[in-house]
Amino acid sequence: MRSSIYMLVILMLACTFAYGQTQLTSGKVSAKFTPEAGLTELKFDGRTVMIGSSAHFAGSQFTLMRNVPTRDWNWPANRTTPHYAVKNGKLINKIGHWKDRTTHVLQSQDNRYTVEHRFAMGINVTFDHVLAANDLTMTITIDNQTPDPYQLDDWLLFLVKPQGAAKLTHRMGNYYPAGDNYSPVSTISDRNWGMGISYIKHDLRPMMIRLNARPQYRDYQFDCWLKDSPIPAGSRSSYTIVLRLDQTPGDWKNLLEPYRQWFSQYYGPAQYHTDFRLKVGVFACYLEGVTPTNPRGYFHQLDRTGWLPYLRKQVGHLSKYNTGEVIIWGATGISQRGVNYRPDFDVMPPILEQGLDQLAPFFQSIGNKRFGFFARPNTIAYQETWAQDADVSFNPHDPKHVRMADKRYERLADKGATAFYMDTYGADWGAYPGAAKGSAFYLKHLRDKFGPDALLVSEFGFDVFSVYAMVWPNASDKLGQKPIGAFAQWLVPGSVEFCRAYHVDGVKRAWQMGAVPMINDFSVNTALMQMQNQYVNPDGSSKVRSDCQSPKVQAVSSPLGLPQQKTGPADQTTSPVDSLFRKD
């Protein structure tokens, strides 16, 4: 029923706005425009690719019930809209293409069509279209002159018209950045043409490109949904989509080249070096192990005997094998105060804290192994009640949050740690406006701090994260995490995915696809090392990848000597993440 309504709307637009049409042509691409609907038809080599409206948009004007918080919006999963919670805001008005407005064509020549729509309530919207070669770049700019925030909810409404069966790649199933969406792109092709859809200049503001099949009409509805990026009163924001058309169906590299070009210019290649040797996970505690006599759930009485007996038992056999970094999971133990695993990941029982200086010499003694820790900087813990802790989302835009997290990394790095698996990092997307951007800021901050040779892994990842750290792929099966592979390596040269393997075939798949596998300590054996020799050189460089650099330092047995910074209540310095990205 909903598809029928959309089709009726599009047909009405086509009939109503036929008057005053402008047509632009570039090579085999032609596009028709009207002042009211913007782009109405797109053709390639005389064949209709899609019809609809680029001036179709909807948004919410709302008032905040309290000032924008500096820490955590605490938005619930079920919101009144995708953009604000009842406790934070109240809807004032829905403003979109159906409202009365005046239209002004600003340009309609030189392969550019720009029209402005002015709404009486103070929202001015500009729709800009630039046709160059086989690319059509569409930009919507919202100028919010109302006294309240405005959120763009959705934009574009087209029906894509493939002739025969259509092939889709990189289809988005959720908002970027989130979930299984590595990049905000999609492609659709038939036997005559292919179209790539790229969301560029996005500044990590969430968007979902939707291509929904309508089997009864043999076409696809194409639109974009947006959220979590309120436009403050008196400010403006833009969103840009690039459509590339080509006669070679299914060539996703060509169709998505506009996104790769923009991404490369803005972020560049991966900023780290990679040792492809097998990573080893060592688990210090487990929830099921919590008992009255073992309240922290440690394995083998680790909190009573100290590091060395435990490590000799768990990883002493690694002295026979050419493995990579060893990562210690859960050194803090299971806290009775909750918030597990702990964001204060450097706080351990006294015997473990006092024995931290033993770690670097021990790992050096079993074959110059590098080592590190499970870290969870995604939240900041605080005492909620006498018996229970709670947490707020880590806000990298807050200098005090940054300093709090920095000191934890610095303390462990000073003991020789050069590897950090950042559990749940990035899972706070949507916790507050700019959360994804803030998380990327801090990841770059850590990379700048530790340099290219340190191993940083983010459990939640997307393309921007992979510039600064290895990412944990979202897709998994019985073998373990499944690498994205070709697209990620094409988009971010030198980027590597970190895959926990549940089976020897999962280890093999990771190496074959140019990723780094990690397996439990007790699973390391001679057969795995023989397999490693097929894909990895003795120095840790890959036999599969040629775009990655190896770490210059294979083992660290002395402190990194990171500069210590003073902080306190009087510290009013700006956040070190405020100016890390290049600007357009």
Protein backbone atom coordinates (compact mmCIF):
# COMPACT_ATOMS: atom_id res chain seq x y z
CA MET A 1 0.00 0.00 0.00
CA ARG A 2 2.78 2.39 0.93
CA SER A 3 4.59 1.73 -2.36
CA SER A 4 1.39 2.52 -4.26
CA ILE A 5 1.08 5.84 -2.47
CA TYR A 6 4.70 6.72 -3.29
CA MET A 7 4.14 5.81 -6.92
CA LEU A 8 1.07 8.03 -7.05
CA VAL A 9 3.04 10.90 -5.51
CA ILE A 10 5.80 10.53 -8.09
CA LEU A 11 3.37 10.40 -11.01
CA MET A 12 1.61 13.51 -9.71
CA LEU A 13 4.95 15.29 -9.45
CA ALA A 14 5.85 14.30 -13.00
CA CYS A 15 2.55 15.65 -14.34
CA THR A 16 2.42 18.78 -12.22
CA PHE A 17 5.97 19.92 -12.80
CA ALA A 18 6.37 19.15 -16.49
CA TYR A 19 5.96 22.86 -17.10
CA GLY A 20 9.21 24.82 -16.83
CA GLN A 21 11.50 21.86 -17.40
CA THR A 22 15.25 22.27 -17.90
CA GLN A 23 17.36 19.51 -19.45
CA LEU A 24 21.11 19.08 -18.97
CA THR A 25 23.25 16.62 -20.93
CA SER A 26 26.78 15.30 -20.45
CA GLY A 27 27.91 12.51 -22.75
CA LYS A 28 25.40 9.67 -22.45
CA VAL A 29 23.80 11.13 -19.31
CA SER A 30 20.80 13.44 -19.48
CA ALA A 31 18.79 14.91 -16.61
CA LYS A 32 15.53 16.86 -16.41
CA PHE A 33 14.72 19.42 -13.72
CA THR A 34 11.84 21.63 -12.58
CA PRO A 35 11.83 24.42 -9.96
CA GLU A 36 9.37 22.57 -7.72
CA ALA A 37 10.75 19.01 -7.88
CA GLY A 38 14.43 19.48 -8.69
CA LEU A 39 15.68 16.43 -10.58
CA THR A 40 12.70 14.59 -12.09
CA GLU A 41 14.27 12.17 -14.57
CA LEU A 42 17.70 10.66 -15.17
CA LYS A 43 18.62 8.82 -18.37
CA PHE A 44 21.68 6.95 -19.59
CA ASP A 45 22.20 6.32 -23.29
CA GLY A 46 18.55 7.16 -23.93
CA ARG A 47 17.23 4.69 -21.33
CA THR A 48 15.35 5.90 -18.27
CA VAL A 49 17.30 5.08 -15.12
CA MET A 50 14.98 6.71 -12.58
CA ILE A 51 12.15 9.21 -12.13
CA GLY A 52 11.06 11.16 -9.07
CA SER A 53 12.14 14.23 -7.12
CA SER A 54 15.39 15.42 -5.55
CA ALA A 55 13.41 18.18 -3.78
CA HIS A 56 11.43 15.66 -1.77
CA PHE A 57 12.42 16.12 1.88
CA ALA A 58 10.97 16.06 5.37
CA GLY A 59 12.26 17.24 8.72
CA SER A 60 11.41 17.93 12.34
CA GLN A 61 11.62 21.22 14.16
CA PHE A 62 11.85 20.58 17.88
CA THR A 63 12.71 22.40 21.08
CA LEU A 64 15.12 21.02 23.66
CA MET A 65 13.68 20.61 27.14
CA ARG A 66 17.12 21.16 28.61
CA ASN A 67 20.48 22.39 27.41
CA VAL A 68 22.49 20.11 25.19
CA PRO A 69 24.38 17.91 27.66
CA THR A 70 28.14 17.66 27.48
CA ARG A 71 28.30 13.98 28.42
CA ASP A 72 25.42 11.75 27.45
CA TRP A 73 22.03 12.41 25.92
CA ASN A 74 20.88 9.07 27.32
CA TRP A 75 18.51 8.61 24.40
CA PRO A 76 16.40 5.45 24.68
CA ALA A 77 16.14 2.91 21.89
CA ASN A 78 12.50 3.84 21.21
CA ARG A 79 12.31 7.56 20.49
CA THR A 80 9.47 9.83 19.45
CA THR A 81 11.49 10.36 16.26
CA PRO A 82 14.99 9.17 15.37
CA HIS A 83 16.32 12.53 16.46
CA TYR A 84 15.32 13.34 20.01
CA ALA A 85 13.87 11.68 23.08
CA VAL A 86 10.77 12.86 24.92
CA LYS A 87 12.89 13.73 27.96
CA ASN A 88 15.18 15.88 25.79
CA GLY A 89 12.93 17.52 23.23
CA LYS A 90 9.41 18.29 22.09
CA LEU A 91 8.21 18.32 18.48
CA ILE A 92 7.13 21.77 17.30
CA ASN A 93 6.50 21.27 13.60
CA LYS A 94 7.13 18.96 10.67
CA ILE A 95 8.55 20.91 7.74
CA GLY A 96 9.04 19.44 4.28
CA HIS A 97 8.28 19.62 0.57
CA TRP A 98 4.49 19.62 1.13
CA LYS A 99 4.54 23.00 2.91
CA ASP A 100 3.84 26.24 1.07
CA ARG A 101 7.04 27.78 -0.22
CA THR A 102 8.45 30.09 -2.85
CA THR A 103 10.90 28.78 -5.42
CA HIS A 104 13.83 30.60 -7.02
CA VAL A 105 15.98 29.09 -9.77
CA LEU A 106 19.52 30.27 -9.03
CA GLN A 107 21.26 28.58 -11.98
CA SER A 108 20.11 26.46 -14.92
CA GLN A 109 23.04 26.33 -17.32
CA ASP A 110 26.67 25.22 -17.64
CA ASN A 111 25.61 21.73 -16.52
CA ARG A 112 24.38 23.03 -13.18
CA TYR A 113 20.84 23.39 -11.88
CA THR A 114 20.27 25.09 -8.53
CA VAL A 115 16.92 25.99 -7.02
CA GLU A 116 16.06 27.49 -3.64
CA HIS A 117 12.85 26.79 -1.70
CA ARG A 118 11.93 29.32 0.98
CA PHE A 119 9.44 28.43 3.72
CA ALA A 120 7.56 31.05 5.74
CA MET A 121 8.58 29.57 9.10
CA GLY A 122 12.26 30.32 8.45
CA ILE A 123 13.63 27.19 6.75
CA ASN A 124 15.41 27.85 3.45
CA VAL A 125 16.44 24.82 1.40
CA THR A 126 18.75 24.83 -1.62
CA PHE A 127 18.92 21.90 -4.05
CA ASP A 128 22.07 21.95 -6.15
CA HIS A 129 22.77 19.58 -9.07
CA VAL A 130 26.05 19.42 -10.99
CA LEU A 131 26.43 17.16 -14.04
CA ALA A 132 30.03 16.36 -15.03
CA ALA A 133 30.91 13.47 -17.35
CA ASN A 134 28.94 10.50 -15.99
CA ASP A 135 28.52 11.91 -12.47
CA LEU A 136 25.54 13.80 -11.08
CA THR A 137 26.29 15.47 -7.74
CA MET A 138 23.21 16.44 -5.71
CA THR A 139 23.46 18.59 -2.58
CA ILE A 140 20.70 19.67 -0.21
CA THR A 141 21.53 22.61 2.07
CA ILE A 142 19.27 23.44 5.01
CA ASP A 143 19.50 27.02 6.31
CA ASN A 144 17.74 26.99 9.68
CA GLN A 145 16.60 30.52 10.53
CA THR A 146 14.07 29.32 13.12
CA PRO A 147 14.71 29.75 16.88
CA ASP A 148 14.91 25.96 17.41
CA PRO A 149 16.91 22.97 16.13
CA TYR A 150 15.81 21.32 12.90
CA GLN A 151 16.53 17.72 11.91
CA LEU A 152 16.47 16.53 8.30
CA ASP A 153 14.60 13.21 8.48
CA ASP A 154 14.57 12.03 4.87
CA TRP A 155 15.59 13.25 1.43
CA LEU A 156 15.03 12.15 -2.19
CA LEU A 157 12.27 10.00 -3.63
CA PHE A 158 12.94 8.14 -6.87
CA LEU A 159 11.84 5.00 -8.64
CA VAL A 160 14.82 3.24 -10.25
CA LYS A 161 13.77 1.45 -13.45
CA PRO A 162 16.06 -1.49 -14.33
CA GLN A 163 15.27 -3.43 -17.50
CA GLY A 164 15.09 -7.04 -16.40
CA ALA A 165 16.79 -8.46 -13.32
CA ALA A 166 18.78 -5.97 -11.25
CA LYS A 167 22.02 -6.60 -9.39
CA LEU A 168 22.69 -4.72 -6.15
CA THR A 169 26.00 -4.52 -4.27
CA HIS A 170 27.04 -2.87 -1.00
CA ARG A 171 23.40 -2.56 -0.04
CA MET A 172 22.90 -0.69 3.23
CA GLY A 173 20.83 -2.44 5.89
CA ASN A 174 21.05 0.29 8.50
CA TYR A 175 22.41 3.76 9.12
CA TYR A 176 26.04 4.61 8.45
CA PRO A 177 28.05 4.61 10.59
CA ALA A 178 26.59 1.61 12.41
CA GLY A 179 26.12 -2.12 12.23
CA ASP A 180 27.14 -3.79 8.98
CA ASN A 181 27.61 -0.60 6.96
CA TYR A 182 31.31 -0.15 6.31
CA SER A 183 30.67 2.76 3.93
CA PRO A 184 27.60 4.83 2.89
CA VAL A 185 27.43 3.52 -0.67
CA SER A 186 25.29 1.26 -2.86
CA THR A 187 25.15 0.17 -6.49
CA ILE A 188 22.35 -1.05 -8.73
CA SER A 189 22.78 -2.37 -12.28
CA ASP A 190 20.82 -3.98 -15.09
CA ARG A 191 22.14 -5.40 -18.37
CA ASN A 192 22.52 -1.94 -19.93
CA TRP A 193 23.74 0.37 -17.19
CA GLY A 194 25.05 0.56 -13.66
CA MET A 195 24.51 3.32 -11.08
CA GLY A 196 26.68 3.94 -8.03
CA ILE A 197 25.32 5.95 -5.09
CA SER A 198 27.87 7.62 -2.81
CA TYR A 199 27.26 9.79 0.26
CA ILE A 200 30.25 12.16 0.46
CA LYS A 201 31.37 15.09 2.61
CA HIS A 202 29.27 13.49 5.33
CA ASP A 203 31.31 14.45 8.40
CA LEU A 204 30.04 11.15 9.90
CA ARG A 205 26.44 12.34 10.14
CA PRO A 206 24.23 9.23 10.05
CA MET A 207 22.47 8.36 6.79
CA MET A 208 20.90 5.27 5.25
CA ILE A 209 20.68 4.90 1.47
CA ARG A 210 17.61 2.77 0.80
CA LEU A 211 16.97 0.70 -2.32
CA ASN A 212 13.77 -1.23 -1.69
CA ALA A 213 12.45 -3.60 -4.33
CA ARG A 214 8.83 -3.26 -5.49
CA PRO A 215 8.28 -6.62 -7.21
CA GLN A 216 4.80 -5.76 -8.47
CA TYR A 217 6.24 -2.80 -10.42
CA ARG A 218 9.65 -4.36 -11.21
CA ASP A 219 11.47 -1.33 -9.90
CA TYR A 220 13.22 -0.04 -6.77
CA GLN A 221 12.34 2.86 -4.51
CA PHE A 222 15.42 4.97 -3.79
CA ASP A 223 15.47 7.42 -0.89
CA CYS A 224 17.70 8.45 2.02
CA TRP A 225 16.94 8.52 5.73
CA LEU A 226 18.90 10.66 8.18
CA LYS A 227 19.12 11.03 11.96
CA ASP A 228 21.09 12.21 15.01
CA SER A 229 22.36 15.44 13.39
CA PRO A 230 20.22 18.37 14.58
CA ILE A 231 20.89 21.66 12.80
CA PRO A 232 21.07 24.36 15.50
CA ALA A 233 19.09 27.59 15.21
CA GLY A 234 20.80 30.11 12.97
CA SER A 235 23.05 27.57 11.25
CA ARG A 236 23.11 25.50 8.08
CA SER A 237 24.10 21.98 7.05
CA SER A 238 24.54 20.24 3.71
CA TYR A 239 24.26 16.65 2.51
CA THR A 240 25.73 15.44 -0.77
CA ILE A 241 24.99 12.35 -2.87
CA VAL A 242 26.92 11.50 -6.05
CA LEU A 243 25.34 9.29 -8.70
CA ARG A 244 27.72 7.71 -11.21
CA LEU A 245 26.29 6.07 -14.34
CA ASP A 246 28.22 3.68 -16.54
CA GLN A 247 27.53 1.21 -19.31
CA THR A 248 29.53 -1.57 -17.62
CA PRO A 249 27.03 -3.20 -15.27
CA GLY A 250 28.27 -4.46 -11.93
CA ASP A 251 31.67 -2.71 -11.99
CA TRP A 252 31.39 -1.48 -8.41
CA LYS A 253 34.91 -0.04 -8.33
CA ASN A 254 34.10 2.36 -11.16
CA LEU A 255 30.59 3.10 -9.90
CA LEU A 256 31.86 3.96 -6.40
CA GLU A 257 35.01 5.78 -7.49
CA PRO A 258 33.53 9.19 -6.47
CA TYR A 259 33.38 7.99 -2.87
CA ARG A 260 36.93 6.61 -2.97
CA GLN A 261 38.28 9.85 -4.43
CA TRP A 262 36.62 11.97 -1.76
CA PHE A 263 37.59 9.59 1.05
CA SER A 264 41.23 9.42 -0.07
CA GLN A 265 41.53 13.20 -0.29
CA TYR A 266 39.95 13.75 3.12
CA TYR A 267 41.33 10.87 5.21
CA GLY A 268 44.11 9.22 3.22
CA PRO A 269 45.45 5.65 3.59
CA ALA A 270 45.82 3.62 6.78
CA GLN A 271 48.13 5.25 9.31
CA TYR A 272 49.49 2.11 10.94
CA HIS A 273 51.82 -0.80 10.27
CA THR A 274 50.70 -4.41 10.49
CA ASP A 275 52.29 -7.60 11.78
CA PHE A 276 50.26 -10.42 10.19
CA ARG A 277 51.49 -13.13 12.54
CA LEU A 278 48.82 -14.94 14.55
CA LYS A 279 47.47 -12.94 17.50
CA VAL A 280 46.87 -14.78 20.75
CA GLY A 281 44.08 -14.04 23.23
CA VAL A 282 44.57 -14.87 26.91
CA PHE A 283 41.49 -14.75 29.13
CA ALA A 284 42.14 -13.73 32.72
CA CYS A 285 38.60 -14.11 34.06
CA TYR A 286 35.13 -15.35 33.22
CA LEU A 287 31.68 -14.59 34.58
CA GLU A 288 30.84 -18.24 35.25
CA GLY A 289 33.89 -18.47 37.48
CA VAL A 290 32.53 -16.03 40.07
CA THR A 291 32.06 -17.84 43.40
CA PRO A 292 32.26 -16.82 47.08
CA THR A 293 35.90 -17.94 47.08
CA ASN A 294 36.63 -16.39 43.66
CA PRO A 295 34.58 -13.17 43.64
CA ARG A 296 36.41 -11.75 40.62
CA GLY A 297 36.12 -14.90 38.51
CA TYR A 298 39.86 -15.19 37.80
CA PHE A 299 41.35 -18.24 36.17
CA HIS A 300 43.94 -20.25 38.13
CA GLN A 301 43.90 -17.92 41.17
CA LEU A 302 45.57 -15.19 39.13
CA ASP A 303 44.67 -12.55 41.72
CA ARG A 304 46.47 -14.57 44.43
CA THR A 305 49.54 -15.98 42.73
CA GLY A 306 50.35 -13.06 40.43
CA TRP A 307 51.24 -12.82 36.75
CA LEU A 308 54.14 -15.20 36.25
CA PRO A 309 52.64 -18.56 37.33
CA TYR A 310 49.53 -17.81 35.29
CA LEU A 311 51.37 -16.67 32.17
CA ARG A 312 53.83 -19.57 32.25
CA LYS A 313 50.85 -21.93 32.30
CA GLN A 314 48.83 -20.14 29.60
CA VAL A 315 51.39 -18.86 27.11
CA GLY A 316 54.73 -20.39 28.06
CA HIS A 317 54.42 -22.74 25.09
CA LEU A 318 54.45 -19.74 22.72
CA SER A 319 58.24 -19.68 23.07
CA LYS A 320 58.24 -22.45 20.42
CA TYR A 321 56.15 -20.47 17.95
CA ASN A 322 56.57 -17.35 15.83
CA THR A 323 53.34 -15.67 16.97
CA GLY A 324 52.37 -12.02 17.06
CA GLU A 325 50.97 -9.94 19.91
CA VAL A 326 49.47 -11.53 23.03
CA ILE A 327 46.36 -9.70 24.29
CA ILE A 328 45.24 -10.18 27.89
CA TRP A 329 41.46 -10.12 28.28
CA GLY A 330 39.80 -8.98 31.51
CA ALA A 331 42.81 -8.27 33.72
CA THR A 332 40.50 -6.23 35.98
CA GLY A 333 38.40 -9.28 36.86
CA ILE A 334 34.61 -9.35 37.12
CA SER A 335 33.61 -6.37 39.24
CA GLN A 336 30.92 -6.82 41.86
CA ARG A 337 29.91 -3.22 41.19
CA GLY A 338 28.87 -4.06 37.64
CA VAL A 339 29.68 -2.18 34.42
CA ASN A 340 31.61 -5.13 33.03
CA TYR A 341 33.85 -5.24 31.36
CA ARG A 342 35.30 -2.25 33.17
CA PRO A 343 36.09 1.04 31.42
CA ASP A 344 38.75 1.57 34.10
CA PHE A 345 40.73 -1.19 32.44
CA ASP A 346 44.05 -0.40 34.16
CA VAL A 347 42.72 -0.94 37.70
CA MET A 348 43.68 -4.42 38.91
CA PRO A 349 44.12 -6.29 42.19
CA PRO A 350 47.24 -5.15 44.11
CA ILE A 351 49.32 -8.23 43.27
CA LEU A 352 48.69 -7.69 39.55
CA GLU A 353 49.36 -3.96 39.66
CA GLN A 354 52.58 -4.54 41.58
CA GLY A 355 53.62 -7.16 39.04
CA LEU A 356 53.06 -5.11 35.89
CA ASP A 357 56.82 -4.54 35.61
CA GLN A 358 57.23 -8.31 35.20
CA LEU A 359 55.27 -8.46 31.96
CA ALA A 360 57.72 -6.99 29.45
CA PRO A 361 60.66 -9.16 30.61
CA PHE A 362 58.46 -12.26 30.61
CA PHE A 363 57.18 -11.74 27.07
CA GLN A 364 60.68 -10.96 25.91
CA SER A 365 61.85 -14.25 27.42
CA ILE A 366 59.39 -16.32 25.37
CA GLY A 367 60.51 -15.02 22.01
CA ASN A 368 60.36 -11.23 22.01
CA LYS A 369 56.57 -11.19 22.05
CA ARG A 370 54.71 -7.92 22.03
CA PHE A 371 51.79 -7.78 24.44
CA GLY A 372 48.81 -5.67 25.36
CA PHE A 373 45.43 -5.49 27.02
CA PHE A 374 41.73 -5.60 26.53
CA ALA A 375 40.57 -1.98 26.94
CA ARG A 376 37.10 -0.50 27.14
CA PRO A 377 37.27 3.28 26.76
CA ASN A 378 33.76 3.50 25.33
CA THR A 379 32.25 4.55 28.66
CA ILE A 380 33.20 6.41 31.82
CA ALA A 381 32.18 4.68 35.06
CA TYR A 382 30.81 6.49 38.09
CA GLN A 383 29.36 5.46 41.44
CA GLU A 384 25.58 5.42 41.07
CA THR A 385 24.70 3.84 44.43
CA TRP A 386 26.64 2.55 47.42
CA ALA A 387 26.75 -0.92 45.86
CA GLN A 388 26.47 -0.33 42.12
CA ASP A 389 28.31 1.59 39.42
CA ALA A 390 26.85 3.03 36.23
CA ASP A 391 28.42 4.72 33.24
CA VAL A 392 28.00 7.48 30.70
CA SER A 393 29.10 7.38 27.08
CA PHE A 394 32.68 8.47 26.58
CA ASN A 395 32.63 11.92 24.98
CA PRO A 396 35.90 12.70 23.17
CA HIS A 397 34.77 16.32 22.80
CA ASP A 398 35.11 16.68 26.59
CA PRO A 399 38.78 17.34 27.56
CA LYS A 400 38.26 15.77 30.98
CA HIS A 401 36.96 12.55 29.44
CA VAL A 402 39.95 12.48 27.09
CA ARG A 403 42.43 12.99 29.90
CA MET A 404 40.78 10.30 32.01
CA ALA A 405 41.05 7.76 29.20
CA ASP A 406 44.53 8.85 28.13
CA LYS A 407 46.01 8.19 31.56
CA ARG A 408 44.81 4.59 31.49
CA TYR A 409 46.52 3.90 28.17
CA GLU A 410 49.65 5.76 29.22
CA ARG A 411 49.95 3.78 32.44
CA LEU A 412 49.90 0.42 30.64
CA ALA A 413 52.06 1.64 27.76
CA ASP A 414 54.63 2.76 30.32
CA LYS A 415 54.85 -0.90 31.37
CA GLY A 416 55.61 -1.98 27.81
CA ALA A 417 52.14 -2.65 26.38
CA THR A 418 51.91 -1.92 22.65
CA ALA A 419 48.55 -3.54 21.84
CA PHE A 420 45.02 -2.55 22.85
CA TYR A 421 41.83 -4.32 21.84
CA MET A 422 39.16 -1.64 22.35
CA ASP A 423 36.07 -3.60 23.36
CA THR A 424 32.70 -2.04 22.37
CA TYR A 425 34.51 1.04 21.07
CA GLY A 426 32.20 2.97 18.74
CA ALA A 427 29.03 1.39 20.13
CA ASP A 428 27.82 4.79 21.38
CA TRP A 429 26.84 6.06 17.92
CA GLY A 430 23.76 8.16 18.50
CA ALA A 431 24.39 8.59 22.24
CA TYR A 432 24.84 12.30 21.55
CA PRO A 433 25.10 14.44 18.41
CA GLY A 434 28.53 13.98 16.87
CA ALA A 435 29.20 10.72 18.72
CA ALA A 436 30.63 8.92 15.68
CA LYS A 437 32.83 11.86 14.76
CA GLY A 438 34.05 12.15 18.34
CA SER A 439 34.94 8.46 18.40
CA ALA A 440 36.92 8.78 15.17
CA PHE A 441 38.64 11.88 16.58
CA TYR A 442 39.81 9.97 19.64
CA LEU A 443 40.98 6.99 17.62
CA LYS A 444 43.19 9.31 15.60
CA HIS A 445 44.33 10.89 18.84
CA LEU A 446 45.48 7.47 20.09
CA ARG A 447 47.20 6.70 16.79
CA ASP A 448 49.09 9.99 16.96
CA LYS A 449 50.02 9.23 20.57
CA PHE A 450 51.31 5.68 20.07
CA GLY A 451 52.63 5.91 16.53
CA PRO A 452 52.14 3.52 13.60
CA ASP A 453 53.66 0.39 15.18
CA ALA A 454 51.19 -0.03 18.06
CA LEU A 455 48.31 -2.46 17.58
CA LEU A 456 44.94 -0.74 18.05
CA VAL A 457 41.74 -2.68 17.37
CA SER A 458 38.20 -1.26 17.46
CA GLU A 459 35.36 -3.73 18.00
CA PHE A 460 32.83 -1.56 16.16
CA GLY A 461 34.29 -0.21 12.97
CA PHE A 462 33.65 1.43 9.63
CA ASP A 463 35.78 2.98 6.92
CA VAL A 464 37.00 6.05 8.85
CA PHE A 465 37.95 3.96 11.88
CA SER A 466 40.04 1.68 9.65
CA VAL A 467 42.32 4.60 8.78
CA TYR A 468 43.55 4.69 12.39
CA ALA A 469 43.02 1.15 13.72
CA MET A 470 42.21 -2.39 12.72
CA VAL A 471 38.48 -3.02 12.86
CA TRP A 472 36.54 -6.08 13.96
CA PRO A 473 34.23 -7.08 11.05
CA ASN A 474 30.55 -7.11 11.85
CA ALA A 475 29.79 -10.24 9.84
CA SER A 476 30.53 -13.60 11.46
CA ASP A 477 29.76 -17.29 11.08
CA LYS A 478 30.80 -20.57 12.70
CA LEU A 479 34.41 -19.95 11.64
CA GLY A 480 34.62 -16.53 13.31
CA GLN A 481 34.66 -12.96 12.06
CA LYS A 482 34.39 -12.69 8.27
CA PRO A 483 36.57 -10.03 6.60
CA ILE A 484 35.06 -7.43 4.27
CA GLY A 485 38.08 -7.94 2.07
CA ALA A 486 38.37 -6.34 -1.37
CA PHE A 487 36.24 -3.24 -0.83
CA ALA A 488 37.95 -2.22 2.42
CA GLN A 489 41.43 -2.70 0.96
CA TRP A 490 40.47 -0.78 -2.19
CA LEU A 491 39.00 2.13 -0.25
CA VAL A 492 41.64 2.39 2.50
CA PRO A 493 45.00 1.07 1.27
CA GLY A 494 46.90 -0.56 4.10
CA SER A 495 43.83 -1.06 6.27
CA VAL A 496 43.50 -4.45 7.94
CA GLU A 497 40.66 -6.27 9.65
CA PHE A 498 41.09 -8.13 12.94
CA CYS A 499 39.24 -11.45 13.02
CA ARG A 500 38.74 -13.69 16.00
CA ALA A 501 38.70 -17.26 14.72
CA TYR A 502 36.70 -20.09 16.27
CA HIS A 503 38.13 -22.75 13.97
CA VAL A 504 41.36 -23.37 12.10
CA ASP A 505 39.50 -22.66 8.84
CA GLY A 506 38.62 -19.23 10.25
CA VAL A 507 42.33 -18.53 10.71
CA LYS A 508 43.02 -19.64 7.15
CA ARG A 509 40.21 -17.49 5.73
CA ALA A 510 41.48 -14.39 7.53
CA TRP A 511 44.98 -14.78 6.13
CA GLN A 512 43.70 -15.60 2.63
CA MET A 513 41.58 -12.43 2.61
CA GLY A 514 44.39 -10.21 3.89
CA ALA A 515 43.18 -9.93 7.50
CA VAL A 516 44.82 -10.71 10.83
CA PRO A 517 43.49 -13.68 12.84
CA MET A 518 43.38 -14.07 16.60
CA ILE A 519 42.85 -17.35 18.41
CA ASN A 520 42.81 -18.55 22.02
CA ASP A 521 46.15 -19.32 23.67
CA PHE A 522 45.45 -23.06 24.04
CA SER A 523 44.74 -23.42 20.30
CA VAL A 524 48.20 -22.41 19.11
CA ASN A 525 50.10 -25.41 17.75
CA THR A 526 52.60 -26.52 15.13
CA ALA A 527 49.94 -27.02 12.45
CA LEU A 528 48.81 -23.40 12.77
CA MET A 529 52.39 -22.20 12.45
CA GLN A 530 52.84 -24.28 9.30
CA MET A 531 49.70 -22.67 7.91
CA GLN A 532 51.03 -19.24 8.88
CA ASN A 533 54.15 -19.88 6.80
CA GLN A 534 51.95 -20.11 3.68
CA TYR A 535 50.59 -16.58 4.12
CA VAL A 536 53.02 -14.70 6.37
CA ASN A 537 56.77 -14.15 6.20
CA PRO A 538 58.88 -14.80 9.32
CA ASP A 539 59.14 -11.05 9.98
CA GLY A 540 55.34 -10.66 10.05
CA SER A 541 54.90 -9.17 6.58
CA SER A 542 52.12 -10.59 4.44
CA LYS A 543 52.57 -12.83 1.43
CA VAL A 544 49.03 -11.88 0.34
CA ARG A 545 49.05 -8.10 0.77
CA SER A 546 51.51 -5.69 -0.85
CA ASP A 547 49.94 -2.45 0.43
CA CYS A 548 50.86 -2.85 4.12
CA GLN A 549 54.00 -1.87 6.01
CA SER A 550 55.46 -3.94 8.84
CA PRO A 551 56.20 -2.51 12.30
CA LYS A 552 59.80 -1.38 12.68
CA VAL A 553 59.94 -2.57 16.28
CA GLN A 554 59.08 -6.25 16.73
CA ALA A 555 59.15 -6.27 20.54
CA VAL A 556 58.96 -3.64 23.24
CA SER A 557 60.49 -4.55 26.58
CA SER A 558 60.87 -1.06 27.97
CA PRO A 559 58.43 1.80 28.61
CA LEU A 560 57.37 3.88 25.63
CA GLY A 561 58.21 7.06 27.49
CA LEU A 562 54.98 8.84 26.65
CA PRO A 563 54.89 12.47 27.80
CA GLN A 564 52.82 12.95 30.92
CA GLN A 565 50.45 15.91 31.11
CA LYS A 566 49.14 17.59 34.20
CA THR A 567 45.43 17.95 34.59
CA GLY A 568 43.04 19.10 37.25
CA PRO A 569 39.98 21.20 38.01
CA ALA A 570 41.66 24.29 36.60
CA ASP A 571 42.47 22.59 33.30
CA GLN A 572 40.53 24.63 30.74
CA THR A 573 42.49 23.57 27.65
CA THR A 574 40.57 22.58 24.55
CA SER A 575 40.15 18.94 23.73
CA PRO A 576 43.14 17.47 21.85
CA VAL A 577 40.68 16.00 19.35
CA ASP A 578 39.16 19.30 18.27
CA SER A 579 41.29 19.83 15.16
CA LEU A 580 42.46 16.42 14.01
CA PHE A 581 40.70 16.07 10.66
CA ARG A 582 41.49 17.87 7.46
CA LYS A 583 38.83 20.35 6.45
CA ASP A 584 37.11 20.73 3.10
